[in-house]
mmCIF file of all heavy atoms, coordinates in Angstrom:
data_MODEL
# 
_entry.id   MODEL 
# 
loop_
_atom_site.group_PDB 
_atom_site.id 
_atom_site.type_symbol 
_atom_site.label_atom_id 
_atom_site.label_alt_id 
_atom_site.label_comp_id 
_atom_site.label_asym_id 
_atom_site.label_entity_id 
_atom_site.label_seq_id 
_atom_site.pdbx_PDB_ins_code 
_atom_site.Cartn_x 
_atom_site.Cartn_y 
_atom_site.Cartn_z 
_atom_site.occupancy 
_atom_site.B_iso_or_equiv 
_atom_site.pdbx_formal_charge 
_atom_site.auth_seq_id 
_atom_site.auth_comp_id 
_atom_site.auth_asym_id 
_atom_site.auth_atom_id 
_atom_site.pdbx_PDB_model_num 
ATOM 1   N N   . VAL A 1 1  ? 109.094 108.252 129.028 1.00 0.00 ? 1  VAL A N   1 
ATOM 2   C CA  . VAL A 1 1  ? 110.479 107.788 129.004 1.00 0.00 ? 1  VAL A CA  1 
ATOM 3   C C   . VAL A 1 1  ? 110.724 107.055 127.695 1.00 0.00 ? 1  VAL A C   1 
ATOM 4   O O   . VAL A 1 1  ? 109.804 106.452 127.128 1.00 0.00 ? 1  VAL A O   1 
ATOM 5   C CB  . VAL A 1 1  ? 110.779 106.891 130.222 1.00 0.00 ? 1  VAL A CB  1 
ATOM 6   C CG1 . VAL A 1 1  ? 109.935 105.623 130.190 1.00 0.00 ? 1  VAL A CG1 1 
ATOM 7   C CG2 . VAL A 1 1  ? 112.253 106.571 130.335 1.00 0.00 ? 1  VAL A CG2 1 
ATOM 8   N N   . GLN A 1 2  ? 111.941 107.106 127.214 1.00 0.00 ? 2  GLN A N   1 
ATOM 9   C CA  . GLN A 1 2  ? 112.292 106.406 125.980 1.00 0.00 ? 2  GLN A CA  1 
ATOM 10  C C   . GLN A 1 2  ? 112.477 104.912 126.255 1.00 0.00 ? 2  GLN A C   1 
ATOM 11  O O   . GLN A 1 2  ? 112.805 104.515 127.381 1.00 0.00 ? 2  GLN A O   1 
ATOM 12  C CB  . GLN A 1 2  ? 113.570 106.987 125.391 1.00 0.00 ? 2  GLN A CB  1 
ATOM 13  C CG  . GLN A 1 2  ? 113.418 108.410 124.876 1.00 0.00 ? 2  GLN A CG  1 
ATOM 14  C CD  . GLN A 1 2  ? 114.665 108.893 124.156 1.00 0.00 ? 2  GLN A CD  1 
ATOM 15  O OE1 . GLN A 1 2  ? 115.749 108.352 124.328 1.00 0.00 ? 2  GLN A OE1 1 
ATOM 16  N NE2 . GLN A 1 2  ? 114.504 109.926 123.338 1.00 0.00 ? 2  GLN A NE2 1 
ATOM 17  N N   . PRO A 1 3  ? 112.294 104.089 125.239 1.00 0.00 ? 3  PRO A N   1 
ATOM 18  C CA  . PRO A 1 3  ? 112.569 102.653 125.406 1.00 0.00 ? 3  PRO A CA  1 
ATOM 19  C C   . PRO A 1 3  ? 113.981 102.423 125.923 1.00 0.00 ? 3  PRO A C   1 
ATOM 20  O O   . PRO A 1 3  ? 114.936 103.081 125.482 1.00 0.00 ? 3  PRO A O   1 
ATOM 21  C CB  . PRO A 1 3  ? 112.400 102.101 123.990 1.00 0.00 ? 3  PRO A CB  1 
ATOM 22  C CG  . PRO A 1 3  ? 111.425 103.033 123.351 1.00 0.00 ? 3  PRO A CG  1 
ATOM 23  C CD  . PRO A 1 3  ? 111.744 104.390 123.907 1.00 0.00 ? 3  PRO A CD  1 
ATOM 24  N N   . GLY A 1 4  ? 114.095 101.508 126.879 1.00 0.00 ? 4  GLY A N   1 
ATOM 25  C CA  . GLY A 1 4  ? 115.373 101.247 127.517 1.00 0.00 ? 4  GLY A CA  1 
ATOM 26  C C   . GLY A 1 4  ? 115.625 102.087 128.749 1.00 0.00 ? 4  GLY A C   1 
ATOM 27  O O   . GLY A 1 4  ? 116.582 101.829 129.489 1.00 0.00 ? 4  GLY A O   1 
ATOM 28  N N   . GLY A 1 5  ? 114.790 103.074 128.973 1.00 0.00 ? 5  GLY A N   1 
ATOM 29  C CA  . GLY A 1 5  ? 114.960 103.956 130.111 1.00 0.00 ? 5  GLY A CA  1 
ATOM 30  C C   . GLY A 1 5  ? 114.388 103.389 131.395 1.00 0.00 ? 5  GLY A C   1 
ATOM 31  O O   . GLY A 1 5  ? 113.915 102.247 131.446 1.00 0.00 ? 5  GLY A O   1 
ATOM 32  N N   . SER A 1 6  ? 114.427 104.210 132.446 1.00 0.00 ? 6  SER A N   1 
ATOM 33  C CA  . SER A 1 6  ? 113.991 103.783 133.771 1.00 0.00 ? 6  SER A CA  1 
ATOM 34  C C   . SER A 1 6  ? 113.072 104.823 134.397 1.00 0.00 ? 6  SER A C   1 
ATOM 35  O O   . SER A 1 6  ? 113.173 106.023 134.102 1.00 0.00 ? 6  SER A O   1 
ATOM 36  C CB  . SER A 1 6  ? 115.199 103.583 134.697 1.00 0.00 ? 6  SER A CB  1 
ATOM 37  O OG  . SER A 1 6  ? 116.049 102.565 134.224 1.00 0.00 ? 6  SER A OG  1 
ATOM 38  N N   . LEU A 1 7  ? 112.221 104.328 135.271 1.00 0.00 ? 7  LEU A N   1 
ATOM 39  C CA  . LEU A 1 7  ? 111.379 105.181 136.109 1.00 0.00 ? 7  LEU A CA  1 
ATOM 40  C C   . LEU A 1 7  ? 111.231 104.500 137.463 1.00 0.00 ? 7  LEU A C   1 
ATOM 41  O O   . LEU A 1 7  ? 111.291 103.270 137.544 1.00 0.00 ? 7  LEU A O   1 
ATOM 42  C CB  . LEU A 1 7  ? 109.977 105.376 135.509 1.00 0.00 ? 7  LEU A CB  1 
ATOM 43  C CG  . LEU A 1 7  ? 109.787 106.360 134.355 1.00 0.00 ? 7  LEU A CG  1 
ATOM 44  C CD1 . LEU A 1 7  ? 108.350 106.270 133.851 1.00 0.00 ? 7  LEU A CD1 1 
ATOM 45  C CD2 . LEU A 1 7  ? 110.133 107.775 134.763 1.00 0.00 ? 7  LEU A CD2 1 
ATOM 46  N N   . ARG A 1 8  ? 111.007 105.297 138.494 1.00 0.00 ? 8  ARG A N   1 
ATOM 47  C CA  . ARG A 1 8  ? 110.694 104.738 139.801 1.00 0.00 ? 8  ARG A CA  1 
ATOM 48  C C   . ARG A 1 8  ? 109.360 105.285 140.252 1.00 0.00 ? 8  ARG A C   1 
ATOM 49  O O   . ARG A 1 8  ? 109.207 106.495 140.418 1.00 0.00 ? 8  ARG A O   1 
ATOM 50  C CB  . ARG A 1 8  ? 111.772 105.064 140.836 1.00 0.00 ? 8  ARG A CB  1 
ATOM 51  C CG  . ARG A 1 8  ? 111.529 104.322 142.152 1.00 0.00 ? 8  ARG A CG  1 
ATOM 52  C CD  . ARG A 1 8  ? 112.613 104.593 143.175 1.00 0.00 ? 8  ARG A CD  1 
ATOM 53  N NE  . ARG A 1 8  ? 112.475 105.905 143.796 1.00 0.00 ? 8  ARG A NE  1 
ATOM 54  C CZ  . ARG A 1 8  ? 113.087 106.273 144.914 1.00 0.00 ? 8  ARG A CZ  1 
ATOM 55  N NH1 . ARG A 1 8  ? 113.861 105.398 145.553 1.00 0.00 ? 8  ARG A NH1 1 
ATOM 56  N NH2 . ARG A 1 8  ? 112.926 107.491 145.401 1.00 0.00 ? 8  ARG A NH2 1 
ATOM 57  N N   . LEU A 1 9  ? 108.409 104.391 140.434 1.00 0.00 ? 9  LEU A N   1 
ATOM 58  C CA  . LEU A 1 9  ? 107.097 104.775 140.941 1.00 0.00 ? 9  LEU A CA  1 
ATOM 59  C C   . LEU A 1 9  ? 107.086 104.665 142.458 1.00 0.00 ? 9  LEU A C   1 
ATOM 60  O O   . LEU A 1 9  ? 107.729 103.794 143.032 1.00 0.00 ? 9  LEU A O   1 
ATOM 61  C CB  . LEU A 1 9  ? 106.011 103.871 140.356 1.00 0.00 ? 9  LEU A CB  1 
ATOM 62  C CG  . LEU A 1 9  ? 105.928 103.784 138.837 1.00 0.00 ? 9  LEU A CG  1 
ATOM 63  C CD1 . LEU A 1 9  ? 104.746 102.923 138.421 1.00 0.00 ? 9  LEU A CD1 1 
ATOM 64  C CD2 . LEU A 1 9  ? 105.855 105.155 138.203 1.00 0.00 ? 9  LEU A CD2 1 
ATOM 65  N N   . SER A 1 10 ? 106.323 105.562 143.074 1.00 0.00 ? 10 SER A N   1 
ATOM 66  C CA  . SER A 1 10 ? 106.172 105.553 144.524 1.00 0.00 ? 10 SER A CA  1 
ATOM 67  C C   . SER A 1 10 ? 104.707 105.388 144.891 1.00 0.00 ? 10 SER A C   1 
ATOM 68  O O   . SER A 1 10 ? 103.821 105.905 144.212 1.00 0.00 ? 10 SER A O   1 
ATOM 69  C CB  . SER A 1 10 ? 106.692 106.860 145.131 1.00 0.00 ? 10 SER A CB  1 
ATOM 70  O OG  . SER A 1 10 ? 108.054 107.051 144.849 1.00 0.00 ? 10 SER A OG  1 
ATOM 71  N N   . CYS A 1 11 ? 104.480 104.673 145.976 1.00 0.00 ? 11 CYS A N   1 
ATOM 72  C CA  . CYS A 1 11 ? 103.140 104.503 146.537 1.00 0.00 ? 11 CYS A CA  1 
ATOM 73  C C   . CYS A 1 11 ? 103.235 104.898 147.996 1.00 0.00 ? 11 CYS A C   1 
ATOM 74  O O   . CYS A 1 11 ? 103.882 104.204 148.784 1.00 0.00 ? 11 CYS A O   1 
ATOM 75  C CB  . CYS A 1 11 ? 102.685 103.062 146.376 1.00 0.00 ? 11 CYS A CB  1 
ATOM 76  S SG  . CYS A 1 11 ? 101.100 102.680 147.167 1.00 0.00 ? 11 CYS A SG  1 
ATOM 77  N N   . ALA A 1 12 ? 102.600 106.003 148.346 1.00 0.00 ? 12 ALA A N   1 
ATOM 78  C CA  . ALA A 1 12 ? 102.684 106.517 149.702 1.00 0.00 ? 12 ALA A CA  1 
ATOM 79  C C   . ALA A 1 12 ? 101.306 106.522 150.356 1.00 0.00 ? 12 ALA A C   1 
ATOM 80  O O   . ALA A 1 12 ? 100.281 106.573 149.682 1.00 0.00 ? 12 ALA A O   1 
ATOM 81  C CB  . ALA A 1 12 ? 103.263 107.929 149.688 1.00 0.00 ? 12 ALA A CB  1 
ATOM 82  N N   . SER A 1 13 ? 101.334 106.484 151.680 1.00 0.00 ? 13 SER A N   1 
ATOM 83  C CA  . SER A 1 13 ? 100.097 106.542 152.451 1.00 0.00 ? 13 SER A CA  1 
ATOM 84  C C   . SER A 1 13 ? 100.178 107.663 153.464 1.00 0.00 ? 13 SER A C   1 
ATOM 85  O O   . SER A 1 13 ? 101.201 107.817 154.139 1.00 0.00 ? 13 SER A O   1 
ATOM 86  C CB  . SER A 1 13 ? 99.854  105.217 153.181 1.00 0.00 ? 13 SER A CB  1 
ATOM 87  O OG  . SER A 1 13 ? 98.810  105.359 154.128 1.00 0.00 ? 13 SER A OG  1 
ATOM 88  N N   . SER A 1 14 ? 99.116  108.425 153.571 1.00 0.00 ? 14 SER A N   1 
ATOM 89  C CA  . SER A 1 14 ? 99.049  109.483 154.589 1.00 0.00 ? 14 SER A CA  1 
ATOM 90  C C   . SER A 1 14 ? 98.308  108.988 155.821 1.00 0.00 ? 14 SER A C   1 
ATOM 91  O O   . SER A 1 14 ? 98.142  109.724 156.775 1.00 0.00 ? 14 SER A O   1 
ATOM 92  C CB  . SER A 1 14 ? 98.330  110.701 154.024 1.00 0.00 ? 14 SER A CB  1 
ATOM 93  O OG  . SER A 1 14 ? 97.025  110.360 153.602 1.00 0.00 ? 14 SER A OG  1 
ATOM 94  N N   . GLY A 1 15 ? 97.879  107.725 155.784 1.00 0.00 ? 15 GLY A N   1 
ATOM 95  C CA  . GLY A 1 15 ? 97.124  107.185 156.901 1.00 0.00 ? 15 GLY A CA  1 
ATOM 96  C C   . GLY A 1 15 ? 97.883  106.106 157.629 1.00 0.00 ? 15 GLY A C   1 
ATOM 97  O O   . GLY A 1 15 ? 98.892  106.355 158.260 1.00 0.00 ? 15 GLY A O   1 
ATOM 98  N N   . ASP A 1 16 ? 97.435  104.880 157.468 1.00 0.00 ? 16 ASP A N   1 
ATOM 99  C CA  . ASP A 1 16 ? 97.988  103.762 158.198 1.00 0.00 ? 16 ASP A CA  1 
ATOM 100 C C   . ASP A 1 16 ? 99.395  103.404 157.712 1.00 0.00 ? 16 ASP A C   1 
ATOM 101 O O   . ASP A 1 16 ? 99.826  103.846 156.645 1.00 0.00 ? 16 ASP A O   1 
ATOM 102 C CB  . ASP A 1 16 ? 97.067  102.555 158.033 1.00 0.00 ? 16 ASP A CB  1 
ATOM 103 C CG  . ASP A 1 16 ? 97.142  101.616 159.220 1.00 0.00 ? 16 ASP A CG  1 
ATOM 104 O OD1 . ASP A 1 16 ? 98.023  101.794 160.083 1.00 0.00 ? 16 ASP A OD1 1 
ATOM 105 O OD2 . ASP A 1 16 ? 96.315  100.680 159.275 1.00 0.00 ? 16 ASP A OD2 1 
ATOM 106 N N   . THR A 1 17 ? 100.078 102.610 158.507 1.00 0.00 ? 17 THR A N   1 
ATOM 107 C CA  . THR A 1 17 ? 101.428 102.172 158.162 1.00 0.00 ? 17 THR A CA  1 
ATOM 108 C C   . THR A 1 17 ? 101.366 101.107 157.079 1.00 0.00 ? 17 THR A C   1 
ATOM 109 O O   . THR A 1 17 ? 100.736 100.059 157.259 1.00 0.00 ? 17 THR A O   1 
ATOM 110 C CB  . THR A 1 17 ? 102.116 101.608 159.411 1.00 0.00 ? 17 THR A CB  1 
ATOM 111 O OG1 . THR A 1 17 ? 102.147 102.622 160.419 1.00 0.00 ? 17 THR A OG1 1 
ATOM 112 C CG2 . THR A 1 17 ? 103.521 101.173 159.088 1.00 0.00 ? 17 THR A CG2 1 
ATOM 113 N N   . LEU A 1 18 ? 102.050 101.356 155.968 1.00 0.00 ? 18 LEU A N   1 
ATOM 114 C CA  . LEU A 1 18 ? 101.989 100.424 154.847 1.00 0.00 ? 18 LEU A CA  1 
ATOM 115 C C   . LEU A 1 18 ? 102.624 99.086  155.153 1.00 0.00 ? 18 LEU A C   1 
ATOM 116 O O   . LEU A 1 18 ? 102.306 98.078  154.525 1.00 0.00 ? 18 LEU A O   1 
ATOM 117 C CB  . LEU A 1 18 ? 102.653 101.034 153.614 1.00 0.00 ? 18 LEU A CB  1 
ATOM 118 C CG  . LEU A 1 18 ? 101.878 102.151 152.911 1.00 0.00 ? 18 LEU A CG  1 
ATOM 119 C CD1 . LEU A 1 18 ? 102.632 102.611 151.671 1.00 0.00 ? 18 LEU A CD1 1 
ATOM 120 C CD2 . LEU A 1 18 ? 100.477 101.709 152.544 1.00 0.00 ? 18 LEU A CD2 1 
ATOM 121 N N   . ASP A 1 19 ? 103.507 99.040  156.128 1.00 0.00 ? 19 ASP A N   1 
ATOM 122 C CA  . ASP A 1 19 ? 104.164 97.780  156.476 1.00 0.00 ? 19 ASP A CA  1 
ATOM 123 C C   . ASP A 1 19 ? 103.168 96.741  156.980 1.00 0.00 ? 19 ASP A C   1 
ATOM 124 O O   . ASP A 1 19 ? 103.468 95.552  156.985 1.00 0.00 ? 19 ASP A O   1 
ATOM 125 C CB  . ASP A 1 19 ? 105.250 98.034  157.524 1.00 0.00 ? 19 ASP A CB  1 
ATOM 126 C CG  . ASP A 1 19 ? 106.174 96.834  157.692 1.00 0.00 ? 19 ASP A CG  1 
ATOM 127 O OD1 . ASP A 1 19 ? 106.491 96.182  156.660 1.00 0.00 ? 19 ASP A OD1 1 
ATOM 128 O OD2 . ASP A 1 19 ? 106.565 96.529  158.818 1.00 0.00 ? 19 ASP A OD2 1 
ATOM 129 N N   . TYR A 1 20 ? 101.979 97.181  157.381 1.00 0.00 ? 20 TYR A N   1 
ATOM 130 C CA  . TYR A 1 20 ? 100.965 96.242  157.855 1.00 0.00 ? 20 TYR A CA  1 
ATOM 131 C C   . TYR A 1 20 ? 100.239 95.550  156.700 1.00 0.00 ? 20 TYR A C   1 
ATOM 132 O O   . TYR A 1 20 ? 99.467  94.621  156.925 1.00 0.00 ? 20 TYR A O   1 
ATOM 133 C CB  . TYR A 1 20 ? 99.908  96.965  158.695 1.00 0.00 ? 20 TYR A CB  1 
ATOM 134 C CG  . TYR A 1 20 ? 100.425 97.605  159.965 1.00 0.00 ? 20 TYR A CG  1 
ATOM 135 C CD1 . TYR A 1 20 ? 99.742  98.652  160.563 1.00 0.00 ? 20 TYR A CD1 1 
ATOM 136 C CD2 . TYR A 1 20 ? 101.599 97.172  160.565 1.00 0.00 ? 20 TYR A CD2 1 
ATOM 137 C CE1 . TYR A 1 20 ? 100.189 99.253  161.724 1.00 0.00 ? 20 TYR A CE1 1 
ATOM 138 C CE2 . TYR A 1 20 ? 102.066 97.767  161.727 1.00 0.00 ? 20 TYR A CE2 1 
ATOM 139 C CZ  . TYR A 1 20 ? 101.354 98.802  162.303 1.00 0.00 ? 20 TYR A CZ  1 
ATOM 140 O OH  . TYR A 1 20 ? 101.810 99.397  163.450 1.00 0.00 ? 20 TYR A OH  1 
ATOM 141 N N   . TYR A 1 21 ? 100.487 96.007  155.459 1.00 0.00 ? 21 TYR A N   1 
ATOM 142 C CA  . TYR A 1 21 ? 99.712  95.570  154.312 1.00 0.00 ? 21 TYR A CA  1 
ATOM 143 C C   . TYR A 1 21 ? 100.585 94.901  153.260 1.00 0.00 ? 21 TYR A C   1 
ATOM 144 O O   . TYR A 1 21 ? 101.749 95.266  153.062 1.00 0.00 ? 21 TYR A O   1 
ATOM 145 C CB  . TYR A 1 21 ? 99.021  96.763  153.655 1.00 0.00 ? 21 TYR A CB  1 
ATOM 146 C CG  . TYR A 1 21 ? 98.023  97.471  154.542 1.00 0.00 ? 21 TYR A CG  1 
ATOM 147 C CD1 . TYR A 1 21 ? 98.434  98.446  155.434 1.00 0.00 ? 21 TYR A CD1 1 
ATOM 148 C CD2 . TYR A 1 21 ? 96.669  97.150  154.471 1.00 0.00 ? 21 TYR A CD2 1 
ATOM 149 C CE1 . TYR A 1 21 ? 97.522  99.085  156.248 1.00 0.00 ? 21 TYR A CE1 1 
ATOM 150 C CE2 . TYR A 1 21 ? 95.745  97.802  155.273 1.00 0.00 ? 21 TYR A CE2 1 
ATOM 151 C CZ  . TYR A 1 21 ? 96.181  98.765  156.163 1.00 0.00 ? 21 TYR A CZ  1 
ATOM 152 O OH  . TYR A 1 21 ? 95.261  99.403  156.965 1.00 0.00 ? 21 TYR A OH  1 
ATOM 153 N N   . THR A 1 22 ? 100.002 93.932  152.576 1.00 0.00 ? 22 THR A N   1 
ATOM 154 C CA  . THR A 1 22 ? 100.570 93.489  151.310 1.00 0.00 ? 22 THR A CA  1 
ATOM 155 C C   . THR A 1 22 ? 100.252 94.559  150.271 1.00 0.00 ? 22 THR A C   1 
ATOM 156 O O   . THR A 1 22 ? 99.107  95.023  150.172 1.00 0.00 ? 22 THR A O   1 
ATOM 157 C CB  . THR A 1 22 ? 99.984  92.140  150.870 1.00 0.00 ? 22 THR A CB  1 
ATOM 158 O OG1 . THR A 1 22 ? 100.424 91.119  151.780 1.00 0.00 ? 22 THR A OG1 1 
ATOM 159 C CG2 . THR A 1 22 ? 100.427 91.776  149.464 1.00 0.00 ? 22 THR A CG2 1 
ATOM 160 N N   . ILE A 1 23 ? 101.283 94.964  149.531 1.00 0.00 ? 23 ILE A N   1 
ATOM 161 C CA  . ILE A 1 23 ? 101.129 96.006  148.510 1.00 0.00 ? 23 ILE A CA  1 
ATOM 162 C C   . ILE A 1 23 ? 101.342 95.389  147.132 1.00 0.00 ? 23 ILE A C   1 
ATOM 163 O O   . ILE A 1 23 ? 102.309 94.651  146.920 1.00 0.00 ? 23 ILE A O   1 
ATOM 164 C CB  . ILE A 1 23 ? 102.133 97.145  148.715 1.00 0.00 ? 23 ILE A CB  1 
ATOM 165 C CG1 . ILE A 1 23 ? 102.003 97.733  150.124 1.00 0.00 ? 23 ILE A CG1 1 
ATOM 166 C CG2 . ILE A 1 23 ? 101.945 98.224  147.653 1.00 0.00 ? 23 ILE A CG2 1 
ATOM 167 C CD1 . ILE A 1 23 ? 100.674 98.360  150.429 1.00 0.00 ? 23 ILE A CD1 1 
ATOM 168 N N   . GLY A 1 24 ? 100.445 95.709  146.241 1.00 0.00 ? 24 GLY A N   1 
ATOM 169 C CA  . GLY A 1 24 ? 100.574 95.247  144.867 1.00 0.00 ? 24 GLY A CA  1 
ATOM 170 C C   . GLY A 1 24 ? 100.624 96.418  143.901 1.00 0.00 ? 24 GLY A C   1 
ATOM 171 O O   . GLY A 1 24 ? 100.058 97.482  144.160 1.00 0.00 ? 24 GLY A O   1 
ATOM 172 N N   . TRP A 1 25 ? 101.338 96.221  142.811 1.00 0.00 ? 25 TRP A N   1 
ATOM 173 C CA  . TRP A 1 25 ? 101.331 97.165  141.690 1.00 0.00 ? 25 TRP A CA  1 
ATOM 174 C C   . TRP A 1 25 ? 100.606 96.500  140.529 1.00 0.00 ? 25 TRP A C   1 
ATOM 175 O O   . TRP A 1 25 ? 100.901 95.350  140.182 1.00 0.00 ? 25 TRP A O   1 
ATOM 176 C CB  . TRP A 1 25 ? 102.739 97.551  141.267 1.00 0.00 ? 25 TRP A CB  1 
ATOM 177 C CG  . TRP A 1 25 ? 103.401 98.546  142.154 1.00 0.00 ? 25 TRP A CG  1 
ATOM 178 C CD1 . TRP A 1 25 ? 104.298 98.316  143.152 1.00 0.00 ? 25 TRP A CD1 1 
ATOM 179 C CD2 . TRP A 1 25 ? 103.232 99.979  142.101 1.00 0.00 ? 25 TRP A CD2 1 
ATOM 180 N NE1 . TRP A 1 25 ? 104.688 99.493  143.732 1.00 0.00 ? 25 TRP A NE1 1 
ATOM 181 C CE2 . TRP A 1 25 ? 104.055 100.537 143.107 1.00 0.00 ? 25 TRP A CE2 1 
ATOM 182 C CE3 . TRP A 1 25 ? 102.476 100.838 141.310 1.00 0.00 ? 25 TRP A CE3 1 
ATOM 183 C CZ2 . TRP A 1 25 ? 104.129 101.907 143.347 1.00 0.00 ? 25 TRP A CZ2 1 
ATOM 184 C CZ3 . TRP A 1 25 ? 102.548 102.203 141.542 1.00 0.00 ? 25 TRP A CZ3 1 
ATOM 185 C CH2 . TRP A 1 25 ? 103.368 102.731 142.547 1.00 0.00 ? 25 TRP A CH2 1 
ATOM 186 N N   . PHE A 1 26 ? 99.689  97.251  139.927 1.00 0.00 ? 26 PHE A N   1 
ATOM 187 C CA  . PHE A 1 26 ? 98.923  96.780  138.790 1.00 0.00 ? 26 PHE A CA  1 
ATOM 188 C C   . PHE A 1 26 ? 99.021  97.807  137.679 1.00 0.00 ? 26 PHE A C   1 
ATOM 189 O O   . PHE A 1 26 ? 99.377  98.969  137.920 1.00 0.00 ? 26 PHE A O   1 
ATOM 190 C CB  . PHE A 1 26 ? 97.451  96.576  139.192 1.00 0.00 ? 26 PHE A CB  1 
ATOM 191 C CG  . PHE A 1 26 ? 97.265  95.477  140.194 1.00 0.00 ? 26 PHE A CG  1 
ATOM 192 C CD1 . PHE A 1 26 ? 97.482  95.702  141.544 1.00 0.00 ? 26 PHE A CD1 1 
ATOM 193 C CD2 . PHE A 1 26 ? 96.877  94.213  139.799 1.00 0.00 ? 26 PHE A CD2 1 
ATOM 194 C CE1 . PHE A 1 26 ? 97.328  94.690  142.481 1.00 0.00 ? 26 PHE A CE1 1 
ATOM 195 C CE2 . PHE A 1 26 ? 96.712  93.185  140.716 1.00 0.00 ? 26 PHE A CE2 1 
ATOM 196 C CZ  . PHE A 1 26 ? 96.947  93.432  142.059 1.00 0.00 ? 26 PHE A CZ  1 
ATOM 197 N N   . ARG A 1 27 ? 98.682  97.405  136.480 1.00 0.00 ? 27 ARG A N   1 
ATOM 198 C CA  . ARG A 1 27 ? 98.673  98.348  135.364 1.00 0.00 ? 27 ARG A CA  1 
ATOM 199 C C   . ARG A 1 27 ? 97.527  98.015  134.420 1.00 0.00 ? 27 ARG A C   1 
ATOM 200 O O   . ARG A 1 27 ? 97.097  96.874  134.322 1.00 0.00 ? 27 ARG A O   1 
ATOM 201 C CB  . ARG A 1 27 ? 100.012 98.347  134.631 1.00 0.00 ? 27 ARG A CB  1 
ATOM 202 C CG  . ARG A 1 27 ? 100.342 97.052  133.898 1.00 0.00 ? 27 ARG A CG  1 
ATOM 203 C CD  . ARG A 1 27 ? 101.752 97.130  133.340 1.00 0.00 ? 27 ARG A CD  1 
ATOM 204 N NE  . ARG A 1 27 ? 102.122 95.908  132.614 1.00 0.00 ? 27 ARG A NE  1 
ATOM 205 C CZ  . ARG A 1 27 ? 103.329 95.660  132.131 1.00 0.00 ? 27 ARG A CZ  1 
ATOM 206 N NH1 . ARG A 1 27 ? 104.307 96.557  132.302 1.00 0.00 ? 27 ARG A NH1 1 
ATOM 207 N NH2 . ARG A 1 27 ? 103.567 94.541  131.484 1.00 0.00 ? 27 ARG A NH2 1 
ATOM 208 N N   . ARG A 1 28 ? 97.079  99.059  133.742 1.00 0.00 ? 28 ARG A N   1 
ATOM 209 C CA  . ARG A 1 28 ? 96.044  98.881  132.726 1.00 0.00 ? 28 ARG A CA  1 
ATOM 210 C C   . ARG A 1 28 ? 96.454  99.668  131.498 1.00 0.00 ? 28 ARG A C   1 
ATOM 211 O O   . ARG A 1 28 ? 96.557  100.897 131.541 1.00 0.00 ? 28 ARG A O   1 
ATOM 212 C CB  . ARG A 1 28 ? 94.685  99.345  133.218 1.00 0.00 ? 28 ARG A CB  1 
ATOM 213 C CG  . ARG A 1 28 ? 93.600  99.275  132.154 1.00 0.00 ? 28 ARG A CG  1 
ATOM 214 C CD  . ARG A 1 28 ? 92.242  99.533  132.723 1.00 0.00 ? 28 ARG A CD  1 
ATOM 215 N NE  . ARG A 1 28 ? 91.722  98.340  133.387 1.00 0.00 ? 28 ARG A NE  1 
ATOM 216 C CZ  . ARG A 1 28 ? 90.682  98.352  134.215 1.00 0.00 ? 28 ARG A CZ  1 
ATOM 217 N NH1 . ARG A 1 28 ? 90.071  99.471  134.503 1.00 0.00 ? 28 ARG A NH1 1 
ATOM 218 N NH2 . ARG A 1 28 ? 90.263  97.232  134.756 1.00 0.00 ? 28 ARG A NH2 1 
ATOM 219 N N   . ALA A 1 29 ? 96.687  98.954  130.439 1.00 0.00 ? 29 ALA A N   1 
ATOM 220 C CA  . ALA A 1 29 ? 97.011  99.573  129.158 1.00 0.00 ? 29 ALA A CA  1 
ATOM 221 C C   . ALA A 1 29 ? 95.722  99.817  128.380 1.00 0.00 ? 29 ALA A C   1 
ATOM 222 O O   . ALA A 1 29 ? 94.715  99.134  128.612 1.00 0.00 ? 29 ALA A O   1 
ATOM 223 C CB  . ALA A 1 29 ? 97.941  98.662  128.364 1.00 0.00 ? 29 ALA A CB  1 
# 
């Protein structure tokens, strides 16, 4: 994406219900 643009990341689970968990987003440059 160009600077100033937008993206939406998704985190999905095929197993347990995510509402039961604290979810964090991390990044590594």
